[in-house]
C-alpha atoms as a PDB file:
ATOM      1  CA  MET A   1     -19.386   7.449 -12.831  1.00  0.00           C
ATOM      2  CA  LYS A   2     -22.014   7.984 -10.146  1.00  0.00           C
ATOM      3  CA  ILE A   3     -19.454   7.768  -7.343  1.00  0.00           C
ATOM      4  CA  TYR A   4     -17.362  10.640  -8.827  1.00  0.00           C
ATOM      5  CA  PHE A   5     -20.460  12.759  -9.299  1.00  0.00           C
ATOM      6  CA  SER A   6     -21.407  12.208  -5.530  1.00  0.00           C
ATOM      7  CA  LEU A   7     -17.743  13.097  -4.384  1.00  0.00           C
ATOM      8  CA  ILE A   8     -17.846  16.053  -6.289  1.00  0.00           C
ATOM      9  CA  LEU A   9     -20.961  16.994  -4.852  1.00  0.00           C
ATOM     10  CA  CYS A  10     -19.586  16.401  -1.375  1.00  0.00           C
ATOM     11  CA  PHE A  11     -16.427  18.470  -2.489  1.00  0.00           C
ATOM     12  CA  LEU A  12     -18.672  21.481  -3.581  1.00  0.00           C
ATOM     13  CA  LEU A  13     -20.747  21.157  -0.266  1.00  0.00           C
ATOM     14  CA  SER A  14     -17.641  21.721   1.710  1.00  0.00           C
ATOM     15  CA  ILE A  15     -16.072  25.009   2.564  1.00  0.00           C
ATOM     16  CA  VAL A  16     -15.140  26.798  -0.797  1.00  0.00           C
ATOM     17  CA  ILE A  17     -11.636  28.272  -0.674  1.00  0.00           C
ATOM     18  CA  SER A  18     -10.895  30.818  -3.408  1.00  0.00           C
ATOM     19  CA  CYS A  19      -7.181  30.954  -4.505  1.00  0.00           C
ATOM     20  CA  ASP A  20      -6.053  32.607  -7.701  1.00  0.00           C
ATOM     21  CA  ASN A  21      -3.000  31.429  -9.662  1.00  0.00           C
ATOM     22  CA  LYS A  22      -0.566  33.927  -8.016  1.00  0.00           C
ATOM     23  CA  GLN A  23      -1.659  32.627  -4.517  1.00  0.00           C
ATOM     24  CA  GLN A  24      -1.007  29.117  -5.691  1.00  0.00           C
ATOM     25  CA  SER A  25       2.570  29.715  -6.761  1.00  0.00           C
ATOM     26  CA  GLU A  26       4.177  27.543  -4.046  1.00  0.00           C
ATOM     27  CA  LYS A  27       5.540  24.068  -3.475  1.00  0.00           C
ATOM     28  CA  ILE A  28       3.844  20.945  -1.564  1.00  0.00           C
ATOM     29  CA  LYS A  29       6.440  18.746  -0.236  1.00  0.00           C
ATOM     30  CA  ILE A  30       5.579  15.116   0.319  1.00  0.00           C
ATOM     31  CA  SER A  31       7.559  12.028   1.628  1.00  0.00           C
ATOM     32  CA  GLY A  32       6.835   8.600   3.012  1.00  0.00           C
ATOM     33  CA  ALA A  33       5.474   5.478   1.930  1.00  0.00           C
ATOM     34  CA  PHE A  34       6.352   3.484  -1.198  1.00  0.00           C
ATOM     35  CA  ALA A  35       2.894   2.129  -1.081  1.00  0.00           C
ATOM     36  CA  LEU A  36       1.271   5.584  -1.891  1.00  0.00           C
ATOM     37  CA  TYR A  37       3.932   6.846  -4.150  1.00  0.00           C
ATOM     38  CA  PRO A  38       2.791   6.051  -7.385  1.00  0.00           C
ATOM     39  CA  MET A  39      -0.883   7.132  -6.618  1.00  0.00           C
ATOM     40  CA  VAL A  40       0.393  10.485  -5.144  1.00  0.00           C
ATOM     41  CA  VAL A  41       2.562  11.272  -8.253  1.00  0.00           C
ATOM     42  CA  ARG A  42      -0.397  10.544 -10.457  1.00  0.00           C
ATOM     43  CA  TRP A  43      -2.543  13.123  -8.160  1.00  0.00           C
ATOM     44  CA  ALA A  44       0.006  15.710  -8.363  1.00  0.00           C
ATOM     45  CA  GLU A  45       0.488  15.521 -12.280  1.00  0.00           C
ATOM     46  CA  GLU A  46      -3.381  15.856 -12.674  1.00  0.00           C
ATOM     47  CA  PHE A  47      -3.670  18.580  -9.828  1.00  0.00           C
ATOM     48  CA  LYS A  48      -0.778  20.568 -11.536  1.00  0.00           C
ATOM     49  CA  VAL A  49      -2.849  20.607 -14.905  1.00  0.00           C
ATOM     50  CA  LEU A  50      -5.636  22.226 -12.994  1.00  0.00           C
ATOM     51  CA  HIS A  51      -3.224  24.374 -10.744  1.00  0.00           C
ATOM     52  CA  PRO A  52      -0.048  24.945 -12.953  1.00  0.00           C
ATOM     53  CA  ASN A  53       1.704  27.415 -10.440  1.00  0.00           C
ATOM     54  CA  VAL A  54       1.716  24.620  -7.932  1.00  0.00           C
ATOM     55  CA  ASN A  55       4.936  22.525  -7.721  1.00  0.00           C
ATOM     56  CA  PHE A  56       5.471  19.119  -5.945  1.00  0.00           C
ATOM     57  CA  ASP A  57       8.411  17.673  -4.347  1.00  0.00           C
ATOM     58  CA  ILE A  58       7.697  13.912  -3.727  1.00  0.00           C
ATOM     59  CA  SER A  59       9.989  11.457  -2.263  1.00  0.00           C
ATOM     60  CA  CYS A  60       9.523   7.891  -0.742  1.00  0.00           C
ATOM     61  CA  SER A  61      11.489   6.405   1.939  1.00  0.00           C
ATOM     62  CA  GLY A  62       9.061   4.401   3.974  1.00  0.00           C
ATOM     63  CA  ALA A  63       5.966   5.345   6.287  1.00  0.00           C
ATOM     64  CA  GLY A  64       8.062   5.757   9.253  1.00  0.00           C
ATOM     65  CA  LYS A  65      10.272   8.378   7.570  1.00  0.00           C
ATOM     66  CA  GLY A  66       7.204  10.139   6.124  1.00  0.00           C
ATOM     67  CA  MET A  67       5.568  10.460   9.628  1.00  0.00           C
ATOM     68  CA  THR A  68       8.793  11.571  11.003  1.00  0.00           C
ATOM     69  CA  ASP A  69       9.432  14.050   8.254  1.00  0.00           C
ATOM     70  CA  VAL A  70       5.721  15.584   8.586  1.00  0.00           C
ATOM     71  CA  LEU A  71       5.712  15.877  12.471  1.00  0.00           C
ATOM     72  CA  THR A  72       9.016  17.668  12.418  1.00  0.00           C
ATOM     73  CA  GLY A  73       8.106  20.101   9.701  1.00  0.00           C
ATOM     74  CA  LEU A  74      10.380  18.814   6.948  1.00  0.00           C
ATOM     75  CA  VAL A  75       7.476  18.211   4.598  1.00  0.00           C
ATOM     76  CA  ASP A  76       3.778  19.227   4.217  1.00  0.00           C
ATOM     77  CA  ILE A  77       2.390  15.878   3.878  1.00  0.00           C
ATOM     78  CA  GLY A  78       3.477  12.358   4.997  1.00  0.00           C
ATOM     79  CA  MET A  79       2.391   9.393   3.193  1.00  0.00           C
ATOM     80  CA  VAL A  80       1.625   6.389   5.711  1.00  0.00           C
ATOM     81  CA  SER A  81       0.522   3.042   4.724  1.00  0.00           C
ATOM     82  CA  ARG A  82      -0.486   1.707   8.221  1.00  0.00           C
ATOM     83  CA  GLU A  83      -2.872   2.667  11.081  1.00  0.00           C
ATOM     84  CA  ILE A  84      -1.823   6.024  12.841  1.00  0.00           C
ATOM     85  CA  SER A  85      -0.859   5.403  16.447  1.00  0.00           C
ATOM     86  CA  LYS A  86      -2.091   7.130  19.470  1.00  0.00           C
ATOM     87  CA  GLU A  87       1.330   8.729  20.353  1.00  0.00           C
ATOM     88  CA  GLU A  88       1.433  10.119  16.782  1.00  0.00           C
ATOM     89  CA  ILE A  89      -2.037  11.669  17.097  1.00  0.00           C
ATOM     90  CA  LYS A  90      -0.879  13.015  20.542  1.00  0.00           C
ATOM     91  CA  ASN A  91       2.197  14.475  18.778  1.00  0.00           C
ATOM     92  CA  GLY A  92       0.049  16.203  16.047  1.00  0.00           C
ATOM     93  CA  ALA A  93      -0.646  13.781  13.239  1.00  0.00           C
ATOM     94  CA  PHE A  94      -3.912  14.585  11.362  1.00  0.00           C
ATOM     95  CA  SER A  95      -4.524  11.919   8.889  1.00  0.00           C
ATOM     96  CA  ILE A  96      -6.709  11.491   5.877  1.00  0.00           C
ATOM     97  CA  ALA A  97      -7.701   8.207   4.455  1.00  0.00           C
ATOM     98  CA  SER A  98      -7.111   8.384   0.646  1.00  0.00           C
ATOM     99  CA  VAL A  99      -7.482   4.784  -0.932  1.00  0.00           C
ATOM    100  CA  ARG A 100      -6.922   1.266   0.006  1.00  0.00           C
ATOM    101  CA  ASP A 101      -4.464  -1.305  -1.222  1.00  0.00           C
ATOM    102  CA  ALA A 102      -2.772  -4.508   0.055  1.00  0.00           C
ATOM    103  CA  VAL A 103       0.477  -6.244   0.585  1.00  0.00           C
ATOM    104  CA  VAL A 104       0.894  -9.709  -1.089  1.00  0.00           C
ATOM    105  CA  PRO A 105       3.563 -12.341  -0.757  1.00  0.00           C
ATOM    106  CA  VAL A 106       5.596 -13.066  -3.812  1.00  0.00           C
ATOM    107  CA  VAL A 107       7.980 -15.953  -4.884  1.00  0.00           C
ATOM    108  CA  ASN A 108      10.228 -16.339  -8.132  1.00  0.00           C
ATOM    109  CA  VAL A 109       8.682 -17.750 -11.137  1.00  0.00           C
ATOM    110  CA  ASP A 110      11.619 -20.286 -11.448  1.00  0.00           C
ATOM    111  CA  ASN A 111      10.992 -21.655  -7.938  1.00  0.00           C
ATOM    112  CA  PRO A 112      11.400 -25.459  -8.179  1.00  0.00           C
ATOM    113  CA  ASN A 113       8.542 -25.854  -5.991  1.00  0.00           C
ATOM    114  CA  LEU A 114       6.184 -23.535  -7.566  1.00  0.00           C
ATOM    115  CA  LYS A 115       3.347 -26.136  -8.403  1.00  0.00           C
ATOM    116  CA  ASP A 116       3.202 -26.864  -4.659  1.00  0.00           C
ATOM    117  CA  ILE A 117       3.316 -23.286  -3.654  1.00  0.00           C
ATOM    118  CA  VAL A 118       0.414 -22.290  -5.896  1.00  0.00           C
ATOM    119  CA  SER A 119      -1.806 -25.371  -5.164  1.00  0.00           C
ATOM    120  CA  ILE A 120      -1.138 -25.406  -1.236  1.00  0.00           C
ATOM    121  CA  GLY A 121      -0.889 -21.738  -0.515  1.00  0.00           C
ATOM    122  CA  LEU A 122       0.317 -19.823   2.729  1.00  0.00           C
ATOM    123  CA  LYS A 123      -1.066 -20.378   5.987  1.00  0.00           C
ATOM    124  CA  LYS A 124      -0.938 -17.638   8.865  1.00  0.00           C
ATOM    125  CA  GLU A 125       0.881 -19.925  10.983  1.00  0.00           C
ATOM    126  CA  VAL A 126       3.338 -20.922   8.328  1.00  0.00           C
ATOM    127  CA  ALA A 127       4.019 -17.212   7.409  1.00  0.00           C
ATOM    128  CA  LYS A 128       4.752 -16.754  10.982  1.00  0.00           C
ATOM    129  CA  ARG A 129       7.341 -19.365  11.259  1.00  0.00           C
ATOM    130  CA  LEU A 130       8.801 -18.407   7.844  1.00  0.00           C
ATOM    131  CA  TRP A 131       9.475 -14.856   9.131  1.00  0.00           C
ATOM    132  CA  ASN A 132      10.562 -15.496  12.496  1.00  0.00           C
ATOM    133  CA  GLY A 133      13.327 -17.609  11.150  1.00  0.00           C
ATOM    134  CA  LYS A 134      11.885 -21.195  12.398  1.00  0.00           C
ATOM    135  CA  PHE A 135      11.349 -22.438   8.865  1.00  0.00           C
ATOM    136  CA  ARG A 136      14.465 -22.880   6.663  1.00  0.00           C
ATOM    137  CA  THR A 137      13.576 -25.195   4.023  1.00  0.00           C
ATOM    138  CA  TRP A 138      10.892 -25.237   1.414  1.00  0.00           C
ATOM    139  CA  GLY A 139       9.740 -28.546   2.539  1.00  0.00           C
ATOM    140  CA  SER A 140       8.883 -26.993   5.880  1.00  0.00           C
ATOM    141  CA  VAL A 141       6.855 -24.338   4.251  1.00  0.00           C
ATOM    142  CA  LEU A 142       4.992 -27.012   2.042  1.00  0.00           C
ATOM    143  CA  LYS A 143       4.940 -29.963   4.301  1.00  0.00           C
ATOM    144  CA  THR A 144       7.019 -32.042   1.954  1.00  0.00           C
ATOM    145  CA  SER A 145      10.360 -33.922   2.206  1.00  0.00           C
ATOM    146  CA  ASN A 146      12.006 -31.156   0.016  1.00  0.00           C
ATOM    147  CA  LYS A 147      15.397 -30.017   1.580  1.00  0.00           C
ATOM    148  CA  THR A 148      15.743 -26.849  -0.697  1.00  0.00           C
ATOM    149  CA  PRO A 149      16.536 -23.770   1.661  1.00  0.00           C
ATOM    150  CA  VAL A 150      14.163 -20.915   1.573  1.00  0.00           C
ATOM    151  CA  HIS A 151      15.557 -17.311   1.189  1.00  0.00           C
ATOM    152  CA  VAL A 152      13.291 -15.115   3.204  1.00  0.00           C
ATOM    153  CA  PHE A 153      13.309 -11.263   2.616  1.00  0.00           C
ATOM    154  CA  THR A 154      11.827  -8.546   4.836  1.00  0.00           C
ATOM    155  CA  ARG A 155      12.053  -4.786   4.992  1.00  0.00           C
ATOM    156  CA  SER A 156      14.846  -2.910   6.191  1.00  0.00           C
ATOM    157  CA  ASP A 157      13.073   0.445   6.768  1.00  0.00           C
ATOM    158  CA  ALA A 158      10.413   1.244   9.063  1.00  0.00           C
ATOM    159  CA  CYS A 159       7.390   0.802   6.794  1.00  0.00           C
ATOM    160  CA  GLY A 160       3.657   0.238   6.681  1.00  0.00           C
ATOM    161  CA  ALA A 161       4.046  -2.806   4.390  1.00  0.00           C
ATOM    162  CA  ALA A 162       6.101  -4.609   6.993  1.00  0.00           C
ATOM    163  CA  GLU A 163       3.876  -3.802   9.812  1.00  0.00           C
ATOM    164  CA  THR A 164       0.633  -4.692   7.856  1.00  0.00           C
ATOM    165  CA  TRP A 165       2.054  -8.137   6.570  1.00  0.00           C
ATOM    166  CA  ALA A 166       3.296  -9.163  10.069  1.00  0.00           C
ATOM    167  CA  ALA A 167      -0.157  -7.961  11.534  1.00  0.00           C
ATOM    168  CA  TRP A 168      -1.868 -10.633   9.329  1.00  0.00           C
ATOM    169  CA  PHE A 169      -0.173 -13.482  11.283  1.00  0.00           C
ATOM    170  CA  GLY A 170      -0.092 -11.586  14.762  1.00  0.00           C
ATOM    171  CA  SER A 171       3.494  -9.951  14.697  1.00  0.00           C
ATOM    172  CA  THR A 172       5.057  -6.601  14.328  1.00  0.00           C
ATOM    173  CA  GLN A 173       7.830  -5.547  12.124  1.00  0.00           C
ATOM    174  CA  GLU A 174      10.180  -6.218  14.899  1.00  0.00           C
ATOM    175  CA  ASP A 175       9.575  -9.705  14.886  1.00  0.00           C
ATOM    176  CA  LEU A 176      10.454 -10.303  11.225  1.00  0.00           C
ATOM    177  CA  LYS A 177      13.797 -12.164  11.104  1.00  0.00           C
ATOM    178  CA  ALA A 178      15.027 -12.330   7.602  1.00  0.00           C
ATOM    179  CA  THR A 179      17.365 -10.682   5.098  1.00  0.00           C
ATOM    180  CA  ALA A 180      16.545  -7.039   5.388  1.00  0.00           C
ATOM    181  CA  ILE A 181      15.976  -5.194   1.975  1.00  0.00           C
ATOM    182  CA  PHE A 182      15.424  -1.368   1.517  1.00  0.00           C
ATOM    183  CA  GLY A 183      11.921  -0.629  -0.193  1.00  0.00           C
ATOM    184  CA  ASP A 184       9.063  -2.317  -2.084  1.00  0.00           C
ATOM    185  CA  PRO A 185      11.299  -2.076  -5.366  1.00  0.00           C
ATOM    186  CA  GLY A 186      14.287  -3.624  -3.437  1.00  0.00           C
ATOM    187  CA  ILE A 187      12.254  -6.654  -2.129  1.00  0.00           C
ATOM    188  CA  ALA A 188      10.733  -7.262  -5.469  1.00  0.00           C
ATOM    189  CA  ASN A 189      14.213  -7.258  -7.266  1.00  0.00           C
ATOM    190  CA  ALA A 190      15.601  -9.453  -4.584  1.00  0.00           C
ATOM    191  CA  VAL A 191      12.741 -11.988  -5.359  1.00  0.00           C
ATOM    192  CA  GLN A 192      13.104 -11.688  -9.165  1.00  0.00           C
ATOM    193  CA  LYS A 193      16.730 -12.495  -8.910  1.00  0.00           C
ATOM    194  CA  ASP A 194      16.498 -15.295  -6.383  1.00  0.00           C
ATOM    195  CA  LYS A 195      14.626 -18.514  -7.577  1.00  0.00           C
ATOM    196  CA  LEU A 196      14.400 -19.830  -3.839  1.00  0.00           C
ATOM    197  CA  GLY A 197      13.432 -16.252  -2.548  1.00  0.00           C
ATOM    198  CA  VAL A 198      10.139 -15.373  -0.822  1.00  0.00           C
ATOM    199  CA  GLY A 199       9.165 -11.723   0.110  1.00  0.00           C
ATOM    200  CA  TYR A 200       6.178  -9.490   0.270  1.00  0.00           C
ATOM    201  CA  SER A 201       5.259  -6.082  -1.478  1.00  0.00           C
ATOM    202  CA  ASN A 202       2.566  -3.669  -2.053  1.00  0.00           C
ATOM    203  CA  ILE A 203       0.559  -4.615  -5.157  1.00  0.00           C
ATOM    204  CA  SER A 204       1.559  -1.513  -6.999  1.00  0.00           C
ATOM    205  CA  TYR A 205       5.183  -3.022  -7.003  1.00  0.00           C
ATOM    206  CA  VAL A 206       3.933  -6.331  -8.203  1.00  0.00           C
ATOM    207  CA  TYR A 207       1.483  -5.785 -10.828  1.00  0.00           C
ATOM    208  CA  SER A 208       2.285  -4.041 -14.082  1.00  0.00           C
ATOM    209  CA  LEU A 209      -0.220  -1.149 -14.908  1.00  0.00           C
ATOM    210  CA  LYS A 210       0.402  -1.853 -18.566  1.00  0.00           C
ATOM    211  CA  THR A 211      -0.144  -5.689 -18.468  1.00  0.00           C
ATOM    212  CA  ARG A 212      -2.296  -5.874 -15.289  1.00  0.00           C
ATOM    213  CA  LYS A 213      -0.568  -8.923 -14.440  1.00  0.00           C
ATOM    214  CA  PRO A 214       2.683  -9.713 -11.949  1.00  0.00           C
ATOM    215  CA  TYR A 215       5.925  -8.401 -13.170  1.00  0.00           C
ATOM    216  CA  THR A 216       8.332 -10.649 -15.061  1.00  0.00           C
ATOM    217  CA  GLY A 217       9.940 -13.174 -12.576  1.00  0.00           C
ATOM    218  CA  LEU A 218       7.168 -12.668  -9.852  1.00  0.00           C
ATOM    219  CA  VAL A 219       4.346 -14.989  -8.800  1.00  0.00           C
ATOM    220  CA  ILE A 220       1.824 -14.475  -5.843  1.00  0.00           C
ATOM    221  CA  PHE A 221       2.129 -16.809  -3.033  1.00  0.00           C
ATOM    222  CA  PRO A 222      -1.521 -17.223  -2.550  1.00  0.00           C
ATOM    223  CA  LEU A 223      -3.167 -17.109   0.933  1.00  0.00           C
ATOM    224  CA  ASP A 224      -4.704 -20.365   2.369  1.00  0.00           C
ATOM    225  CA  LEU A 225      -7.382 -18.318   4.055  1.00  0.00           C
ATOM    226  CA  ASN A 226      -9.620 -21.282   5.228  1.00  0.00           C
ATOM    227  CA  GLY A 227      -6.554 -23.291   6.303  1.00  0.00           C
ATOM    228  CA  ASN A 228      -7.440 -26.354   4.750  1.00  0.00           C
ATOM    229  CA  GLY A 229      -4.040 -26.881   2.999  1.00  0.00           C
ATOM    230  CA  LYS A 230      -5.020 -26.010  -0.412  1.00  0.00           C
ATOM    231  CA  ILE A 231      -5.918 -23.067  -2.522  1.00  0.00           C
ATOM    232  CA  ASP A 232      -9.724 -23.454  -3.334  1.00  0.00           C
ATOM    233  CA  LYS A 233     -11.362 -21.553  -6.409  1.00  0.00           C
ATOM    234  CA  GLU A 234     -12.752 -18.880  -4.196  1.00  0.00           C
ATOM    235  CA  GLU A 235      -9.115 -18.216  -2.918  1.00  0.00           C
ATOM    236  CA  ASN A 236      -7.665 -18.005  -6.307  1.00  0.00           C
ATOM    237  CA  PHE A 237      -7.947 -14.351  -7.303  1.00  0.00           C
ATOM    238  CA  TYR A 238      -4.381 -13.164  -8.216  1.00  0.00           C
ATOM    239  CA  ASP A 239      -4.305 -13.803 -11.989  1.00  0.00           C
ATOM    240  CA  THR A 240      -4.654 -10.196 -12.768  1.00  0.00           C
ATOM    241  CA  LEU A 241      -4.777  -6.851 -10.969  1.00  0.00           C
ATOM    242  CA  GLU A 242      -8.533  -6.439 -11.544  1.00  0.00           C
ATOM    243  CA  SER A 243      -9.224  -9.666  -9.988  1.00  0.00           C
ATOM    244  CA  LEU A 244      -7.024  -9.082  -6.902  1.00  0.00           C
ATOM    245  CA  VAL A 245      -8.603  -5.365  -6.718  1.00  0.00           C
ATOM    246  CA  ALA A 246     -12.192  -7.025  -6.656  1.00  0.00           C
ATOM    247  CA  ALA A 247     -11.160  -9.408  -3.931  1.00  0.00           C
ATOM    248  CA  ILE A 248      -9.734  -6.692  -1.691  1.00  0.00           C
ATOM    249  CA  SER A 249     -12.937  -4.597  -2.445  1.00  0.00           C
ATOM    250  CA  ASP A 250     -15.310  -7.240  -1.416  1.00  0.00           C
ATOM    251  CA  GLY A 251     -13.314  -8.584   1.576  1.00  0.00           C
ATOM    252  CA  ARG A 252     -12.264 -11.921   0.124  1.00  0.00           C
ATOM    253  CA  TYR A 253      -8.648 -10.669   0.609  1.00  0.00           C
ATOM    254  CA  PRO A 254      -8.559 -10.027   4.297  1.00  0.00           C
ATOM    255  CA  SER A 255      -7.434  -6.691   6.176  1.00  0.00           C
ATOM    256  CA  PRO A 256      -4.715  -6.844   7.140  1.00  0.00           C
ATOM    257  CA  PRO A 257      -2.891  -7.223   4.609  1.00  0.00           C
ATOM    258  CA  ALA A 258      -5.154  -5.123   2.915  1.00  0.00           C
ATOM    259  CA  ARG A 259      -5.226  -1.614   4.425  1.00  0.00           C
ATOM    260  CA  ASN A 260      -6.086   1.872   4.142  1.00  0.00           C
ATOM    261  CA  LEU A 261      -3.403   4.401   2.963  1.00  0.00           C
ATOM    262  CA  TYR A 262      -3.155   7.688   4.632  1.00  0.00           C
ATOM    263  CA  LEU A 263      -1.999  11.242   3.781  1.00  0.00           C
ATOM    264  CA  VAL A 264      -0.932  13.017   6.979  1.00  0.00           C
ATOM    265  CA  THR A 265      -0.173  16.600   8.036  1.00  0.00           C
ATOM    266  CA  LYS A 266       0.871  18.128  11.312  1.00  0.00           C
ATOM    267  CA  LYS A 267      -2.311  19.204  12.843  1.00  0.00           C
ATOM    268  CA  LYS A 268      -5.473  19.965  10.849  1.00  0.00           C
ATOM    269  CA  PRO A 269      -4.084  21.832   7.819  1.00  0.00           C
ATOM    270  CA  ILE A 270      -4.609  25.707   7.491  1.00  0.00           C
ATOM    271  CA  ASN A 271      -2.668  26.260   4.115  1.00  0.00           C
ATOM    272  CA  PRO A 272      -5.410  26.993   1.597  1.00  0.00           C
ATOM    273  CA  ILE A 273      -3.489  25.045  -1.220  1.00  0.00           C
ATOM    274  CA  LEU A 274      -2.909  22.000   1.158  1.00  0.00           C
ATOM    275  CA  ILE A 275      -6.608  21.822   1.656  1.00  0.00           C
ATOM    276  CA  ILE A 276      -7.497  22.259  -1.898  1.00  0.00           C
ATOM    277  CA  PHE A 277      -5.160  19.472  -2.749  1.00  0.00           C
ATOM    278  CA  LEU A 278      -6.518  17.186   0.045  1.00  0.00           C
ATOM    279  CA  LYS A 279     -10.138  17.890  -1.083  1.00  0.00           C
ATOM    280  CA  TYR A 280      -8.999  17.198  -4.875  1.00  0.00           C
ATOM    281  CA  VAL A 281      -7.763  13.712  -3.891  1.00  0.00           C
ATOM    282  CA  LEU A 282     -10.978  12.868  -2.105  1.00  0.00           C
ATOM    283  CA  SER A 283     -13.044  14.130  -4.805  1.00  0.00           C
ATOM    284  CA  GLU A 284     -12.107  14.521  -8.581  1.00  0.00           C
ATOM    285  CA  GLY A 285      -8.799  12.652  -8.016  1.00  0.00           C
ATOM    286  CA  GLN A 286     -10.742   9.401  -7.102  1.00  0.00           C
ATOM    287  CA  ARG A 287     -11.225   8.978 -11.107  1.00  0.00           C
ATOM    288  CA  TYR A 288      -7.598   7.931 -11.318  1.00  0.00           C
ATOM    289  CA  VAL A 289      -7.584   5.398  -8.614  1.00  0.00           C
ATOM    290  CA  ALA A 290      -8.526   2.227 -10.420  1.00  0.00           C
ATOM    291  CA  LYS A 291      -6.334   3.300 -13.407  1.00  0.00           C
ATOM    292  CA  THR A 292      -3.129   3.414 -11.215  1.00  0.00           C
ATOM    293  CA  GLY A 293      -3.992   0.128  -9.417  1.00  0.00           C
ATOM    294  CA  TYR A 294      -5.613   1.092  -6.087  1.00  0.00           C
ATOM    295  CA  ILE A 295      -9.025   0.578  -4.544  1.00  0.00           C
ATOM    296  CA  SER A 296     -11.418   3.576  -3.859  1.00  0.00           C
ATOM    297  CA  LEU A 297     -12.475   3.730  -0.114  1.00  0.00           C
ATOM    298  CA  GLY A 298     -16.128   4.117  -1.260  1.00  0.00           C
ATOM    299  CA  LYS A 299     -18.490   7.250  -1.429  1.00  0.00           C
ATOM    300  CA  LYS A 300     -19.407   7.153   2.434  1.00  0.00           C
ATOM    301  CA  LYS A 301     -15.860   6.946   3.642  1.00  0.00           C
ATOM    302  CA  LEU A 302     -14.521   9.673   1.231  1.00  0.00           C
ATOM    303  CA  CYS A 303     -17.267  12.028   2.277  1.00  0.00           C
ATOM    304  CA  GLN A 304     -16.348  11.410   5.975  1.00  0.00           C
ATOM    305  CA  GLU A 305     -12.798  12.098   5.155  1.00  0.00           C
ATOM    306  CA  LEU A 306     -13.895  15.277   3.413  1.00  0.00           C
ATOM    307  CA  ALA A 307     -15.793  16.433   6.337  1.00  0.00           C
ATOM    308  CA  LYS A 308     -12.726  16.348   8.384  1.00  0.00           C
ATOM    309  CA  LEU A 309     -11.324  19.174   6.432  1.00  0.00           C
ATOM    310  CA  ASN A 310     -14.152  21.490   7.195  1.00  0.00           C
END
């Protein structure tokens, strides 16, 4: 609980904006990354308990659409699951880091090569060849004689998940050549239906908040981080959401494909209710982060983000 008290202290030390219920009778429009959608929905629900006259309109359509929507004034906040570019900053993007999560590769639980998949793991160079179309069989992926075809999925929408996943092996979303599917739920569903499929998704669409384990039909394709051709004990942290979150928090799961998630406004916000909501996200709202399957940025970083709003 110490982190929450510290964050609340940071919140109280920041500029206090008074706003009565009548002044708060307005709507906050948000669009963008699938990665942030479950977290922002939870924040909105809890914020509305404190400010019942504030209504939210939240939609997910990919980080690229969220950035476009906020910079063109269609929404108040864009959810962005990648780093903000210099060009976007030049065009007025003002970003607040809010939480961390990660992109993970997934396969079908009925994949006939599953034993090799979870024991050998996925190297960077193999992932690059998988998603640039050079590896077409599971034998190529696992260095066996297996001729079973591999069905590779990627995102069709401009999104942070694809950029972050590609960045892990030194590529960009434009370099990914695979069957294109819209959204995180789409890729997860495609892999669940295809026993030879492989894809990637944000952890909030892979792990069930109820069971804290991967959704039915999905298995994480573990990363061979030291490149020795096998998944060592210290690389095996995917069994539960808690074990993966711990690995992201202490850096065992690398960044990328772990990353910060951003709430973006067009220029520094001046609308009082937007400022109050963003400060809530960075202070009291952090108590819901772990429950919703995300990773806190840590007290120091959160205080730095709060200071940007002053």
